[in-house]
Amino acid sequence: MSRKYKKNETLIFLTKYVVTAIIFMAVALLVVKFAEKKKKQKIKFTASFLDTDTKWADTLLNNISLNEKIAQLIIYKADTITTNNFEAKLNLIKTGKFGGV
């Protein structure tokens, strides 16, 4: 094998790896720049149902007793209300002893 051929082969080998390294660094730099740009942007997540006026709810909660507030946390499954206990559950609903079905 001639020296000239070995030099060319080595040069081609090094050129491939240098070019690959440059491409890799360029991609890494682009990724970092993109991440910095995204970091600078303030992303605001909003839910339209949160933009409603809550004065009525605040007023209601301020005017009910602690027992009624606790009762709002109690929810019965509809399939637990049977013909045997229907009247009792209906009475609890009417008197505000639980929050929902």
C-alpha atoms as a PDB file:
ATOM      1  CA  MET A   1       0.000   0.000   0.000  1.00  0.00           C
ATOM      2  CA  SER A   2       1.420   3.349  -0.907  1.00  0.00           C
ATOM      3  CA  ARG A   3       1.901   6.221   1.511  1.00  0.00           C
ATOM      4  CA  LYS A   4      -0.226   8.472  -0.631  1.00  0.00           C
ATOM      5  CA  TYR A   5      -3.155   6.020  -0.452  1.00  0.00           C
ATOM      6  CA  LYS A   6      -2.803   5.749   3.344  1.00  0.00           C
ATOM      7  CA  LYS A   7      -2.755   9.538   3.692  1.00  0.00           C
ATOM      8  CA  ASN A   8      -5.899   9.871   1.569  1.00  0.00           C
ATOM      9  CA  GLU A   9      -7.661   7.141   3.510  1.00  0.00           C
ATOM     10  CA  THR A  10      -6.739   8.759   6.812  1.00  0.00           C
ATOM     11  CA  LEU A  11      -7.809  12.171   5.550  1.00  0.00           C
ATOM     12  CA  ILE A  12     -11.184  10.822   4.422  1.00  0.00           C
ATOM     13  CA  PHE A  13     -11.647   9.056   7.758  1.00  0.00           C
ATOM     14  CA  LEU A  14     -10.846  12.203   9.759  1.00  0.00           C
ATOM     15  CA  THR A  15     -12.970  14.389   7.506  1.00  0.00           C
ATOM     16  CA  LYS A  16     -16.019  12.159   8.068  1.00  0.00           C
ATOM     17  CA  TYR A  17     -15.662  12.314  11.823  1.00  0.00           C
ATOM     18  CA  VAL A  18     -14.937  16.036  11.914  1.00  0.00           C
ATOM     19  CA  VAL A  19     -17.975  16.762   9.743  1.00  0.00           C
ATOM     20  CA  THR A  20     -20.103  14.459  11.917  1.00  0.00           C
ATOM     21  CA  ALA A  21     -18.876  16.205  15.063  1.00  0.00           C
ATOM     22  CA  ILE A  22     -19.630  19.639  13.591  1.00  0.00           C
ATOM     23  CA  ILE A  23     -23.147  18.557  12.605  1.00  0.00           C
ATOM     24  CA  PHE A  24     -23.728  17.089  16.071  1.00  0.00           C
ATOM     25  CA  MET A  25     -22.564  20.302  17.770  1.00  0.00           C
ATOM     26  CA  ALA A  26     -24.737  22.421  15.478  1.00  0.00           C
ATOM     27  CA  VAL A  27     -27.806  20.334  16.288  1.00  0.00           C
ATOM     28  CA  ALA A  28     -26.999  20.484  20.016  1.00  0.00           C
ATOM     29  CA  LEU A  29     -26.632  24.269  19.804  1.00  0.00           C
ATOM     30  CA  LEU A  30     -29.981  24.586  18.025  1.00  0.00           C
ATOM     31  CA  VAL A  31     -31.656  22.452  20.668  1.00  0.00           C
ATOM     32  CA  VAL A  32     -30.189  24.583  23.465  1.00  0.00           C
ATOM     33  CA  LYS A  33     -31.245  27.815  21.756  1.00  0.00           C
ATOM     34  CA  PHE A  34     -34.749  26.470  21.178  1.00  0.00           C
ATOM     35  CA  ALA A  35     -35.011  25.417  24.846  1.00  0.00           C
ATOM     36  CA  GLU A  36     -33.851  28.863  25.999  1.00  0.00           C
ATOM     37  CA  LYS A  37     -36.421  30.542  23.758  1.00  0.00           C
ATOM     38  CA  LYS A  38     -39.207  28.337  25.113  1.00  0.00           C
ATOM     39  CA  LYS A  39     -38.040  28.990  28.674  1.00  0.00           C
ATOM     40  CA  LYS A  40     -38.295  32.735  28.122  1.00  0.00           C
ATOM     41  CA  GLN A  41     -41.853  32.459  26.822  1.00  0.00           C
ATOM     42  CA  LYS A  42     -44.400  32.442  29.599  1.00  0.00           C
ATOM     43  CA  ILE A  43     -46.990  29.833  28.847  1.00  0.00           C
ATOM     44  CA  LYS A  44     -50.346  30.640  30.372  1.00  0.00           C
ATOM     45  CA  PHE A  45     -52.842  27.845  30.714  1.00  0.00           C
ATOM     46  CA  THR A  46     -56.391  28.998  31.179  1.00  0.00           C
ATOM     47  CA  ALA A  47     -59.660  27.217  31.558  1.00  0.00           C
ATOM     48  CA  SER A  48     -62.700  29.161  30.442  1.00  0.00           C
ATOM     49  CA  PHE A  49     -64.859  27.808  33.265  1.00  0.00           C
ATOM     50  CA  LEU A  50     -62.518  29.485  35.774  1.00  0.00           C
ATOM     51  CA  ASP A  51     -63.296  32.917  34.324  1.00  0.00           C
ATOM     52  CA  THR A  52     -66.772  32.983  35.859  1.00  0.00           C
ATOM     53  CA  ASP A  53     -67.979  35.172  38.681  1.00  0.00           C
ATOM     54  CA  THR A  54     -67.884  33.260  41.979  1.00  0.00           C
ATOM     55  CA  LYS A  55     -69.595  35.842  44.163  1.00  0.00           C
ATOM     56  CA  TRP A  56     -72.774  33.761  44.355  1.00  0.00           C
ATOM     57  CA  ALA A  57     -70.825  30.703  45.545  1.00  0.00           C
ATOM     58  CA  ASP A  58     -68.875  32.743  48.077  1.00  0.00           C
ATOM     59  CA  THR A  59     -72.092  34.275  49.381  1.00  0.00           C
ATOM     60  CA  LEU A  60     -73.734  30.862  49.648  1.00  0.00           C
ATOM     61  CA  LEU A  61     -70.778  29.323  51.487  1.00  0.00           C
ATOM     62  CA  ASN A  62     -70.647  32.255  53.894  1.00  0.00           C
ATOM     63  CA  ASN A  63     -74.334  31.825  54.731  1.00  0.00           C
ATOM     64  CA  ILE A  64     -74.524  28.072  55.409  1.00  0.00           C
ATOM     65  CA  SER A  65     -73.643  26.370  58.673  1.00  0.00           C
ATOM     66  CA  LEU A  66     -70.662  24.099  59.253  1.00  0.00           C
ATOM     67  CA  ASN A  67     -72.964  21.045  59.291  1.00  0.00           C
ATOM     68  CA  GLU A  68     -74.384  22.056  55.905  1.00  0.00           C
ATOM     69  CA  LYS A  69     -70.854  22.516  54.518  1.00  0.00           C
ATOM     70  CA  ILE A  70     -69.940  19.024  55.710  1.00  0.00           C
ATOM     71  CA  ALA A  71     -73.168  17.672  54.227  1.00  0.00           C
ATOM     72  CA  GLN A  72     -72.115  19.049  50.829  1.00  0.00           C
ATOM     73  CA  LEU A  73     -69.199  16.620  50.925  1.00  0.00           C
ATOM     74  CA  ILE A  74     -71.506  13.596  51.280  1.00  0.00           C
ATOM     75  CA  ILE A  75     -72.653  12.066  47.998  1.00  0.00           C
ATOM     76  CA  TYR A  76     -74.721   8.888  47.685  1.00  0.00           C
ATOM     77  CA  LYS A  77     -74.484   6.573  44.722  1.00  0.00           C
ATOM     78  CA  ALA A  78     -77.835   6.422  42.972  1.00  0.00           C
ATOM     79  CA  ASP A  79     -77.899   2.624  43.096  1.00  0.00           C
ATOM     80  CA  THR A  80     -77.686   2.670  46.920  1.00  0.00           C
ATOM     81  CA  ILE A  81     -81.089   4.350  47.148  1.00  0.00           C
ATOM     82  CA  THR A  82     -83.616   1.549  47.156  1.00  0.00           C
ATOM     83  CA  THR A  83     -87.375   1.393  47.677  1.00  0.00           C
ATOM     84  CA  ASN A  84     -86.709   0.503  51.328  1.00  0.00           C
ATOM     85  CA  ASN A  85     -84.704   3.644  52.076  1.00  0.00           C
ATOM     86  CA  PHE A  86     -86.096   6.022  49.454  1.00  0.00           C
ATOM     87  CA  GLU A  87     -88.234   8.058  51.858  1.00  0.00           C
ATOM     88  CA  ALA A  88     -85.363   8.423  54.324  1.00  0.00           C
ATOM     89  CA  LYS A  89     -82.968   9.572  51.597  1.00  0.00           C
ATOM     90  CA  LEU A  90     -85.590  11.939  50.175  1.00  0.00           C
ATOM     91  CA  ASN A  91     -85.990  13.450  53.627  1.00  0.00           C
ATOM     92  CA  LEU A  92     -82.214  13.932  53.869  1.00  0.00           C
ATOM     93  CA  ILE A  93     -82.247  15.686  50.499  1.00  0.00           C
ATOM     94  CA  LYS A  94     -85.083  17.982  51.557  1.00  0.00           C
ATOM     95  CA  THR A  95     -83.371  18.901  54.824  1.00  0.00           C
ATOM     96  CA  GLY A  96     -79.995  19.465  53.191  1.00  0.00           C
ATOM     97  CA  LYS A  97     -78.172  16.657  54.974  1.00  0.00           C
ATOM     98  CA  PHE A  98     -76.098  15.601  51.970  1.00  0.00           C
ATOM     99  CA  GLY A  99     -74.688  17.213  48.871  1.00  0.00           C
ATOM    100  CA  GLY A 100     -75.785  15.094  45.974  1.00  0.00           C
ATOM    101  CA  VAL A 101     -76.681  11.816  44.314  1.00  0.00           C
END
